[in-house]
PDB file of all heavy atoms in Angstrom:
ATOM      1  N   TRP A   1      11.828 -19.004 -14.655  1.00  0.00           N
ATOM      2  CA  TRP A   1      12.155 -17.876 -15.532  1.00  0.00           C
ATOM      3  C   TRP A   1      13.012 -18.286 -16.716  1.00  0.00           C
ATOM      4  O   TRP A   1      13.184 -17.510 -17.652  1.00  0.00           O
ATOM      5  CB  TRP A   1      12.878 -16.798 -14.723  1.00  0.00           C
ATOM      6  CG  TRP A   1      12.886 -15.445 -15.359  1.00  0.00           C
ATOM      7  CD1 TRP A   1      13.849 -14.928 -16.190  1.00  0.00           C
ATOM      8  CD2 TRP A   1      11.890 -14.430 -15.240  1.00  0.00           C
ATOM      9  NE1 TRP A   1      13.524 -13.650 -16.572  1.00  0.00           N
ATOM     10  CE2 TRP A   1      12.307 -13.320 -15.994  1.00  0.00           C
ATOM     11  CE3 TRP A   1      10.685 -14.351 -14.548  1.00  0.00           C
ATOM     12  CZ2 TRP A   1      11.574 -12.148 -16.091  1.00  0.00           C
ATOM     13  CZ3 TRP A   1       9.940 -13.187 -14.636  1.00  0.00           C
ATOM     14  CH2 TRP A   1      10.380 -12.105 -15.403  1.00  0.00           C
ATOM     15  N   GLN A   2      13.565 -19.480 -16.708  1.00  0.00           N
ATOM     16  CA  GLN A   2      14.483 -19.908 -17.753  1.00  0.00           C
ATOM     17  C   GLN A   2      13.864 -19.735 -19.140  1.00  0.00           C
ATOM     18  O   GLN A   2      12.716 -20.093 -19.370  1.00  0.00           O
ATOM     19  CB  GLN A   2      14.874 -21.370 -17.552  1.00  0.00           C
ATOM     20  CG  GLN A   2      15.841 -21.588 -16.396  1.00  0.00           C
ATOM     21  CD  GLN A   2      17.171 -20.899 -16.612  1.00  0.00           C
ATOM     22  OE1 GLN A   2      17.943 -21.259 -17.488  1.00  0.00           O
ATOM     23  NE2 GLN A   2      17.457 -19.892 -15.804  1.00  0.00           N
ATOM     24  N   GLY A   3      14.653 -19.177 -20.052  1.00  0.00           N
ATOM     25  CA  GLY A   3      14.195 -18.938 -21.406  1.00  0.00           C
ATOM     26  C   GLY A   3      13.809 -17.497 -21.676  1.00  0.00           C
ATOM     27  O   GLY A   3      13.643 -17.112 -22.832  1.00  0.00           O
ATOM     28  N   LEU A   4      13.668 -16.692 -20.613  1.00  0.00           N
ATOM     29  CA  LEU A   4      13.279 -15.291 -20.781  1.00  0.00           C
ATOM     30  C   LEU A   4      14.479 -14.349 -20.791  1.00  0.00           C
ATOM     31  O   LEU A   4      14.394 -13.240 -21.307  1.00  0.00           O
ATOM     32  CB  LEU A   4      12.306 -14.861 -19.674  1.00  0.00           C
ATOM     33  CG  LEU A   4      10.890 -15.420 -19.783  1.00  0.00           C
ATOM     34  CD1 LEU A   4      10.108 -15.135 -18.508  1.00  0.00           C
ATOM     35  CD2 LEU A   4      10.169 -14.824 -20.982  1.00  0.00           C
ATOM     36  N   GLY A   5      15.592 -14.778 -20.175  1.00  0.00           N
ATOM     37  CA  GLY A   5      16.766 -13.920 -20.117  1.00  0.00           C
ATOM     38  C   GLY A   5      16.605 -12.788 -19.116  1.00  0.00           C
ATOM     39  O   GLY A   5      15.559 -12.629 -18.487  1.00  0.00           O
ATOM     40  N   TYR A   6      17.690 -12.000 -18.975  1.00  0.00           N
ATOM     41  CA  TYR A   6      17.693 -10.883 -18.016  1.00  0.00           C
ATOM     42  C   TYR A   6      17.100 -11.347 -16.680  1.00  0.00           C
ATOM     43  O   TYR A   6      16.087 -10.838 -16.204  1.00  0.00           O
ATOM     44  CB  TYR A   6      16.913  -9.698 -18.572  1.00  0.00           C
ATOM     45  CG  TYR A   6      17.517  -9.091 -19.811  1.00  0.00           C
ATOM     46  CD1 TYR A   6      17.039  -9.425 -21.078  1.00  0.00           C
ATOM     47  CD2 TYR A   6      18.584  -8.195 -19.723  1.00  0.00           C
ATOM     48  CE1 TYR A   6      17.606  -8.880 -22.231  1.00  0.00           C
ATOM     49  CE2 TYR A   6      19.151  -7.640 -20.862  1.00  0.00           C
ATOM     50  CZ  TYR A   6      18.658  -7.992 -22.113  1.00  0.00           C
ATOM     51  OH  TYR A   6      19.218  -7.449 -23.240  1.00  0.00           O
ATOM     52  N   ASN A   7      17.781 -12.333 -16.074  1.00  0.00           N
ATOM     53  CA  ASN A   7      17.240 -13.006 -14.903  1.00  0.00           C
ATOM     54  C   ASN A   7      17.080 -12.103 -13.689  1.00  0.00           C
ATOM     55  O   ASN A   7      16.361 -12.452 -12.750  1.00  0.00           O
ATOM     56  CB  ASN A   7      18.131 -14.203 -14.544  1.00  0.00           C
ATOM     57  CG  ASN A   7      18.066 -15.294 -15.589  1.00  0.00           C
ATOM     58  OD1 ASN A   7      17.125 -16.064 -15.641  1.00  0.00           O
ATOM     59  ND2 ASN A   7      19.090 -15.344 -16.446  1.00  0.00           N
ATOM     60  N   ARG A   8      17.744 -10.948 -13.710  1.00  0.00           N
ATOM     61  CA  ARG A   8      17.562 -10.009 -12.599  1.00  0.00           C
ATOM     62  C   ARG A   8      16.088  -9.635 -12.441  1.00  0.00           C
ATOM     63  O   ARG A   8      15.619  -9.361 -11.344  1.00  0.00           O
ATOM     64  CB  ARG A   8      18.409  -8.755 -12.839  1.00  0.00           C
ATOM     65  CG  ARG A   8      18.353  -7.758 -11.680  1.00  0.00           C
ATOM     66  CD  ARG A   8      19.194  -6.522 -11.952  1.00  0.00           C
ATOM     67  NE  ARG A   8      20.616  -6.822 -11.891  1.00  0.00           N
ATOM     68  CZ  ARG A   8      21.417  -6.892 -12.949  1.00  0.00           C
ATOM     69  NH1 ARG A   8      20.921  -6.697 -14.167  1.00  0.00           N
ATOM     70  NH2 ARG A   8      22.693  -7.154 -12.826  1.00  0.00           N
ATOM     71  N   ARG A   9      15.353  -9.636 -13.548  1.00  0.00           N
ATOM     72  CA  ARG A   9      13.924  -9.323 -13.485  1.00  0.00           C
ATOM     73  C   ARG A   9      13.173 -10.322 -12.594  1.00  0.00           C
ATOM     74  O   ARG A   9      12.223  -9.951 -11.909  1.00  0.00           O
ATOM     75  CB  ARG A   9      13.315  -9.316 -14.885  1.00  0.00           C
ATOM     76  CG  ARG A   9      13.818  -8.209 -15.783  1.00  0.00           C
ATOM     77  CD  ARG A   9      13.197  -8.302 -17.171  1.00  0.00           C
ATOM     78  NE  ARG A   9      13.557  -9.545 -17.849  1.00  0.00           N
ATOM     79  CZ  ARG A   9      12.969  -9.993 -18.956  1.00  0.00           C
ATOM     80  NH1 ARG A   9      11.970  -9.314 -19.499  1.00  0.00           N
ATOM     81  NH2 ARG A   9      13.362 -11.120 -19.521  1.00  0.00           N
ATOM     82  N   ALA A  10      13.593 -11.583 -12.625  1.00  0.00           N
ATOM     83  CA  ALA A  10      12.925 -12.607 -11.813  1.00  0.00           C
ATOM     84  C   ALA A  10      13.109 -12.319 -10.331  1.00  0.00           C
ATOM     85  O   ALA A  10      12.156 -12.405  -9.539  1.00  0.00           O
ATOM     86  CB  ALA A  10      13.464 -13.984 -12.165  1.00  0.00           C
ATOM     87  N   LEU A  11      14.347 -11.979  -9.947  1.00  0.00           N
ATOM     88  CA  LEU A  11      14.595 -11.676  -8.533  1.00  0.00           C
ATOM     89  C   LEU A  11      13.848 -10.413  -8.114  1.00  0.00           C
ATOM     90  O   LEU A  11      13.286 -10.349  -7.017  1.00  0.00           O
ATOM     91  CB  LEU A  11      16.096 -11.509  -8.295  1.00  0.00           C
ATOM     92  CG  LEU A  11      16.981 -12.731  -8.566  1.00  0.00           C
ATOM     93  CD1 LEU A  11      18.418 -12.442  -8.126  1.00  0.00           C
ATOM     94  CD2 LEU A  11      16.460 -13.967  -7.865  1.00  0.00           C
ATOM     95  N   ASN A  12      13.841  -9.400  -8.971  1.00  0.00           N
ATOM     96  CA  ASN A  12      13.108  -8.176  -8.644  1.00  0.00           C
ATOM     97  C   ASN A  12      11.619  -8.442  -8.523  1.00  0.00           C
ATOM     98  O   ASN A  12      10.943  -7.872  -7.650  1.00  0.00           O
ATOM     99  CB  ASN A  12      13.357  -7.113  -9.716  1.00  0.00           C
ATOM    100  CG  ASN A  12      14.692  -6.419  -9.550  1.00  0.00           C
ATOM    101  OD1 ASN A  12      15.251  -6.380  -8.456  1.00  0.00           O
ATOM    102  ND2 ASN A  12      15.222  -5.870 -10.631  1.00  0.00           N
ATOM    103  N   LEU A  13      11.084  -9.302  -9.391  1.00  0.00           N
ATOM    104  CA  LEU A  13       9.659  -9.610  -9.327  1.00  0.00           C
ATOM    105  C   LEU A  13       9.320 -10.317  -8.025  1.00  0.00           C
ATOM    106  O   LEU A  13       8.287 -10.028  -7.404  1.00  0.00           O
ATOM    107  CB  LEU A  13       9.250 -10.469 -10.525  1.00  0.00           C
ATOM    108  CG  LEU A  13       7.759 -10.777 -10.665  1.00  0.00           C
ATOM    109  CD1 LEU A  13       6.921  -9.496 -10.752  1.00  0.00           C
ATOM    110  CD2 LEU A  13       7.519 -11.649 -11.900  1.00  0.00           C
ATOM    111  N   GLN A  14      10.173 -11.216  -7.590  1.00  0.00           N
ATOM    112  CA  GLN A  14       9.910 -11.892  -6.313  1.00  0.00           C
ATOM    113  C   GLN A  14      10.017 -10.900  -5.146  1.00  0.00           C
ATOM    114  O   GLN A  14       9.196 -10.931  -4.219  1.00  0.00           O
ATOM    115  CB  GLN A  14      10.875 -13.044  -6.091  1.00  0.00           C
ATOM    116  CG  GLN A  14      10.559 -13.813  -4.794  1.00  0.00           C
ATOM    117  CD  GLN A  14      11.451 -15.003  -4.585  1.00  0.00           C
ATOM    118  OE1 GLN A  14      12.666 -14.914  -4.759  1.00  0.00           O
ATOM    119  NE2 GLN A  14      10.859 -16.129  -4.187  1.00  0.00           N
ATOM    120  N   ARG A  15      11.000 -10.014  -5.196  1.00  0.00           N
ATOM    121  CA  ARG A  15      11.106  -8.991  -4.151  1.00  0.00           C
ATOM    122  C   ARG A  15       9.878  -8.094  -4.157  1.00  0.00           C
ATOM    123  O   ARG A  15       9.378  -7.694  -3.094  1.00  0.00           O
ATOM    124  CB  ARG A  15      12.375  -8.167  -4.363  1.00  0.00           C
ATOM    125  CG  ARG A  15      13.659  -8.947  -4.124  1.00  0.00           C
ATOM    126  CD  ARG A  15      14.886  -8.192  -4.617  1.00  0.00           C
ATOM    127  NE  ARG A  15      16.098  -8.989  -4.476  1.00  0.00           N
ATOM    128  CZ  ARG A  15      17.141  -8.946  -5.305  1.00  0.00           C
ATOM    129  NH1 ARG A  15      17.110  -8.108  -6.357  1.00  0.00           N
ATOM    130  NH2 ARG A  15      18.199  -9.704  -5.110  1.00  0.00           N
ATOM    131  N   ALA A  16       9.374  -7.777  -5.346  1.00  0.00           N
ATOM    132  CA  ALA A  16       8.154  -6.970  -5.439  1.00  0.00           C
ATOM    133  C   ALA A  16       6.978  -7.713  -4.824  1.00  0.00           C
ATOM    134  O   ALA A  16       6.160  -7.111  -4.103  1.00  0.00           O
ATOM    135  CB  ALA A  16       7.873  -6.629  -6.902  1.00  0.00           C
ATOM    136  N   ALA A  17       6.868  -9.012  -5.092  1.00  0.00           N
ATOM    137  CA  ALA A  17       5.782  -9.801  -4.519  1.00  0.00           C
ATOM    138  C   ALA A  17       5.847  -9.793  -2.996  1.00  0.00           C
ATOM    139  O   ALA A  17       4.817  -9.700  -2.315  1.00  0.00           O
ATOM    140  CB  ALA A  17       5.841 -11.233  -5.047  1.00  0.00           C
ATOM    141  N   ARG A  18       7.040  -9.887  -2.446  1.00  0.00           N
ATOM    142  CA  ARG A  18       7.189  -9.866  -0.986  1.00  0.00           C
ATOM    143  C   ARG A  18       6.785  -8.506  -0.414  1.00  0.00           C
ATOM    144  O   ARG A  18       6.167  -8.438   0.652  1.00  0.00           O
ATOM    145  CB  ARG A  18       8.633 -10.230  -0.614  1.00  0.00           C
ATOM    146  CG  ARG A  18       8.951 -11.694  -0.857  1.00  0.00           C
ATOM    147  CD  ARG A  18      10.419 -12.037  -0.705  1.00  0.00           C
ATOM    148  NE  ARG A  18      10.630 -13.484  -0.829  1.00  0.00           N
ATOM    149  CZ  ARG A  18      11.812 -14.072  -0.946  1.00  0.00           C
ATOM    150  NH1 ARG A  18      12.924 -13.326  -0.952  1.00  0.00           N
ATOM    151  NH2 ARG A  18      11.905 -15.383  -1.064  1.00  0.00           N
ATOM    152  N   MET A  19       7.128  -7.427  -1.116  1.00  0.00           N
ATOM    153  CA  MET A  19       6.688  -6.107  -0.665  1.00  0.00           C
ATOM    154  C   MET A  19       5.165  -5.986  -0.735  1.00  0.00           C
ATOM    155  O   MET A  19       4.530  -5.430   0.174  1.00  0.00           O
ATOM    156  CB  MET A  19       7.329  -5.014  -1.523  1.00  0.00           C
ATOM    157  CG  MET A  19       8.777  -4.733  -1.213  1.00  0.00           C
ATOM    158  SD  MET A  19       9.426  -3.342  -2.212  1.00  0.00           S
ATOM    159  CE  MET A  19       8.411  -1.982  -1.623  1.00  0.00           C
ATOM    160  N   ILE A  20       4.579  -6.510  -1.800  1.00  0.00           N
ATOM    161  CA  ILE A  20       3.122  -6.443  -1.958  1.00  0.00           C
ATOM    162  C   ILE A  20       2.433  -7.199  -0.825  1.00  0.00           C
ATOM    163  O   ILE A  20       1.423  -6.736  -0.270  1.00  0.00           O
ATOM    164  CB  ILE A  20       2.716  -7.010  -3.340  1.00  0.00           C
ATOM    165  CG1 ILE A  20       3.156  -6.045  -4.440  1.00  0.00           C
ATOM    166  CG2 ILE A  20       1.208  -7.249  -3.417  1.00  0.00           C
ATOM    167  CD1 ILE A  20       3.084  -6.634  -5.841  1.00  0.00           C
ATOM    168  N   VAL A  21       2.986  -8.340  -0.458  1.00  0.00           N
ATOM    169  CA  VAL A  21       2.415  -9.119   0.642  1.00  0.00           C
ATOM    170  C   VAL A  21       2.611  -8.395   1.969  1.00  0.00           C
ATOM    171  O   VAL A  21       1.679  -8.269   2.776  1.00  0.00           O
ATOM    172  CB  VAL A  21       3.054 -10.520   0.687  1.00  0.00           C
ATOM    173  CG1 VAL A  21       2.642 -11.256   1.970  1.00  0.00           C
ATOM    174  CG2 VAL A  21       2.638 -11.327  -0.535  1.00  0.00           C
ATOM    175  N   ASP A  22       3.807  -7.891   2.210  1.00  0.00           N
ATOM    176  CA  ASP A  22       4.128  -7.275   3.504  1.00  0.00           C
ATOM    177  C   ASP A  22       3.454  -5.918   3.700  1.00  0.00           C
ATOM    178  O   ASP A  22       2.987  -5.602   4.806  1.00  0.00           O
ATOM    179  CB  ASP A  22       5.649  -7.105   3.633  1.00  0.00           C
ATOM    180  CG  ASP A  22       6.375  -8.441   3.752  1.00  0.00           C
ATOM    181  OD1 ASP A  22       5.712  -9.447   4.058  1.00  0.00           O
ATOM    182  OD2 ASP A  22       7.601  -8.471   3.524  1.00  0.00           O
ATOM    183  N   LEU A  23       3.394  -5.109   2.639  1.00  0.00           N
ATOM    184  CA  LEU A  23       2.911  -3.738   2.774  1.00  0.00           C
ATOM    185  C   LEU A  23       1.425  -3.576   2.439  1.00  0.00           C
ATOM    186  O   LEU A  23       0.758  -2.709   2.999  1.00  0.00           O
ATOM    187  CB  LEU A  23       3.733  -2.794   1.888  1.00  0.00           C
ATOM    188  CG  LEU A  23       5.227  -2.689   2.202  1.00  0.00           C
ATOM    189  CD1 LEU A  23       5.897  -1.738   1.221  1.00  0.00           C
ATOM    190  CD2 LEU A  23       5.451  -2.226   3.636  1.00  0.00           C
ATOM    191  N   TRP A  24       0.925  -4.396   1.509  1.00  0.00           N
ATOM    192  CA  TRP A  24      -0.437  -4.177   1.017  1.00  0.00           C
ATOM    193  C   TRP A  24      -1.301  -5.430   1.062  1.00  0.00           C
ATOM    194  O   TRP A  24      -2.286  -5.543   0.333  1.00  0.00           O
ATOM    195  CB  TRP A  24      -0.390  -3.612  -0.405  1.00  0.00           C
ATOM    196  CG  TRP A  24       0.350  -2.308  -0.485  1.00  0.00           C
ATOM    197  CD1 TRP A  24       0.008  -1.137   0.109  1.00  0.00           C
ATOM    198  CD2 TRP A  24       1.579  -2.057  -1.167  1.00  0.00           C
ATOM    199  NE1 TRP A  24       0.927  -0.163  -0.164  1.00  0.00           N
ATOM    200  CE2 TRP A  24       1.913  -0.692  -0.947  1.00  0.00           C
ATOM    201  CE3 TRP A  24       2.427  -2.827  -1.962  1.00  0.00           C
ATOM    202  CZ2 TRP A  24       3.061  -0.109  -1.471  1.00  0.00           C
ATOM    203  CZ3 TRP A  24       3.570  -2.248  -2.488  1.00  0.00           C
ATOM    204  CH2 TRP A  24       3.875  -0.907  -2.243  1.00  0.00           C
ATOM    205  N   GLY A  25      -0.931  -6.363   1.935  1.00  0.00           N
ATOM    206  CA  GLY A  25      -1.766  -7.532   2.149  1.00  0.00           C
ATOM    207  C   GLY A  25      -1.974  -8.397   0.932  1.00  0.00           C
ATOM    208  O   GLY A  25      -2.980  -9.100   0.810  1.00  0.00           O
ATOM    209  N   GLY A  26      -1.025  -8.387   0.009  1.00  0.00           N
ATOM    210  CA  GLY A  26      -1.120  -9.228  -1.176  1.00  0.00           C
ATOM    211  C   GLY A  26      -1.863  -8.604  -2.335  1.00  0.00           C
ATOM    212  O   GLY A  26      -2.064  -9.254  -3.363  1.00  0.00           O
ATOM    213  N   ARG A  27      -2.260  -7.344  -2.212  1.00  0.00           N
ATOM    214  CA  ARG A  27      -2.977  -6.655  -3.289  1.00  0.00           C
ATOM    215  C   ARG A  27      -2.027  -5.688  -3.990  1.00  0.00           C
ATOM    216  O   ARG A  27      -1.404  -4.831  -3.360  1.00  0.00           O
ATOM    217  CB  ARG A  27      -4.184  -5.884  -2.731  1.00  0.00           C
ATOM    218  CG  ARG A  27      -5.245  -6.779  -2.083  1.00  0.00           C
ATOM    219  CD  ARG A  27      -6.341  -5.939  -1.454  1.00  0.00           C
ATOM    220  NE  ARG A  27      -7.074  -5.180  -2.470  1.00  0.00           N
ATOM    221  CZ  ARG A  27      -8.121  -5.645  -3.130  1.00  0.00           C
ATOM    222  NH1 ARG A  27      -8.549  -6.882  -2.918  1.00  0.00           N
ATOM    223  NH2 ARG A  27      -8.746  -4.907  -4.013  1.00  0.00           N
ATOM    224  N   VAL A  28      -1.927  -5.819  -5.291  1.00  0.00           N
ATOM    225  CA  VAL A  28      -1.077  -4.925  -6.072  1.00  0.00           C
ATOM    226  C   VAL A  28      -1.629  -3.514  -5.972  1.00  0.00           C
ATOM    227  O   VAL A  28      -2.823  -3.287  -6.205  1.00  0.00           O
ATOM    228  CB  VAL A  28      -1.028  -5.368  -7.547  1.00  0.00           C
ATOM    229  CG1 VAL A  28      -0.224  -4.381  -8.386  1.00  0.00           C
ATOM    230  CG2 VAL A  28      -0.453  -6.769  -7.667  1.00  0.00           C
ATOM    231  N   PRO A  29      -0.798  -2.524  -5.597  1.00  0.00           N
ATOM    232  CA  PRO A  29      -1.313  -1.161  -5.452  1.00  0.00           C
ATOM    233  C   PRO A  29      -1.722  -0.558  -6.787  1.00  0.00           C
ATOM    234  O   PRO A  29      -1.142  -0.857  -7.831  1.00  0.00           O
ATOM    235  CB  PRO A  29      -0.139  -0.392  -4.830  1.00  0.00           C
ATOM    236  CG  PRO A  29       1.078  -1.168  -5.223  1.00  0.00           C
ATOM    237  CD  PRO A  29       0.641  -2.608  -5.262  1.00  0.00           C
ATOM    238  N   GLU A  30      -2.714   0.317  -6.735  1.00  0.00           N
ATOM    239  CA  GLU A  30      -3.219   0.965  -7.944  1.00  0.00           C
ATOM    240  C   GLU A  30      -2.456   2.231  -8.288  1.00  0.00           C
ATOM    241  O   GLU A  30      -2.343   2.600  -9.459  1.00  0.00           O
ATOM    242  CB  GLU A  30      -4.704   1.290  -7.736  1.00  0.00           C
ATOM    243  CG  GLU A  30      -5.372   1.973  -8.908  1.00  0.00           C
ATOM    244  CD  GLU A  30      -6.861   2.176  -8.674  1.00  0.00           C
ATOM    245  OE1 GLU A  30      -7.407   1.572  -7.739  1.00  0.00           O
ATOM    246  OE2 GLU A  30      -7.460   2.952  -9.438  1.00  0.00           O
ATOM    247  N   ASP A  31      -1.917   2.900  -7.287  1.00  0.00           N
ATOM    248  CA  ASP A  31      -1.254   4.186  -7.468  1.00  0.00           C
ATOM    249  C   ASP A  31       0.115   3.990  -8.128  1.00  0.00           C
ATOM    250  O   ASP A  31       0.963   3.262  -7.601  1.00  0.00           O
ATOM    251  CB  ASP A  31      -1.086   4.850  -6.101  1.00  0.00           C
ATOM    252  CG  ASP A  31      -0.574   6.284  -6.199  1.00  0.00           C
ATOM    253  OD1 ASP A  31      -0.036   6.663  -7.260  1.00  0.00           O
ATOM    254  OD2 ASP A  31      -0.707   7.023  -5.206  1.00  0.00           O
ATOM    255  N   PRO A  32       0.377   4.638  -9.271  1.00  0.00           N
ATOM    256  CA  PRO A  32       1.689   4.501  -9.924  1.00  0.00           C
ATOM    257  C   PRO A  32       2.853   4.929  -9.039  1.00  0.00           C
ATOM    258  O   PRO A  32       3.956   4.408  -9.195  1.00  0.00           O
ATOM    259  CB  PRO A  32       1.570   5.391 -11.154  1.00  0.00           C
ATOM    260  CG  PRO A  32       0.106   5.490 -11.419  1.00  0.00           C
ATOM    261  CD  PRO A  32      -0.555   5.447 -10.070  1.00  0.00           C
ATOM    262  N   VAL A  33       2.620   5.873  -8.130  1.00  0.00           N
ATOM    263  CA  VAL A  33       3.693   6.299  -7.227  1.00  0.00           C
ATOM    264  C   VAL A  33       4.102   5.141  -6.321  1.00  0.00           C
ATOM    265  O   VAL A  33       5.288   4.900  -6.083  1.00  0.00           O
ATOM    266  CB  VAL A  33       3.250   7.515  -6.395  1.00  0.00           C
ATOM    267  CG1 VAL A  33       4.311   7.873  -5.363  1.00  0.00           C
ATOM    268  CG2 VAL A  33       2.970   8.711  -7.298  1.00  0.00           C
ATOM    269  N   LEU A  34       3.111   4.398  -5.825  1.00  0.00           N
ATOM    270  CA  LEU A  34       3.411   3.231  -4.993  1.00  0.00           C
ATOM    271  C   LEU A  34       4.022   2.115  -5.835  1.00  0.00           C
ATOM    272  O   LEU A  34       4.938   1.422  -5.385  1.00  0.00           O
ATOM    273  CB  LEU A  34       2.136   2.731  -4.309  1.00  0.00           C
ATOM    274  CG  LEU A  34       1.488   3.676  -3.297  1.00  0.00           C
ATOM    275  CD1 LEU A  34       0.226   3.055  -2.713  1.00  0.00           C
ATOM    276  CD2 LEU A  34       2.471   4.026  -2.181  1.00  0.00           C
ATOM    277  N   LEU A  35       3.537   1.946  -7.035  1.00  0.00           N
ATOM    278  CA  LEU A  35       4.081   0.896  -7.900  1.00  0.00           C
ATOM    279  C   LEU A  35       5.564   1.119  -8.181  1.00  0.00           C
ATOM    280  O   LEU A  35       6.339   0.164  -8.274  1.00  0.00           O
ATOM    281  CB  LEU A  35       3.300   0.858  -9.217  1.00  0.00           C
ATOM    282  CG  LEU A  35       1.900   0.238  -9.148  1.00  0.00           C
ATOM    283  CD1 LEU A  35       1.108   0.568 -10.410  1.00  0.00           C
ATOM    284  CD2 LEU A  35       1.990  -1.268  -8.947  1.00  0.00           C
TER     285      LEU A  35
END
């Protein structure tokens, strides 16, 4: 992530990836409510 700044976004993105794997089998949900 270096060079992009606002590094909290990197940690949140990784946490989001873990939720996507755990809850939806690695598929990004289509529903904005779930997103």
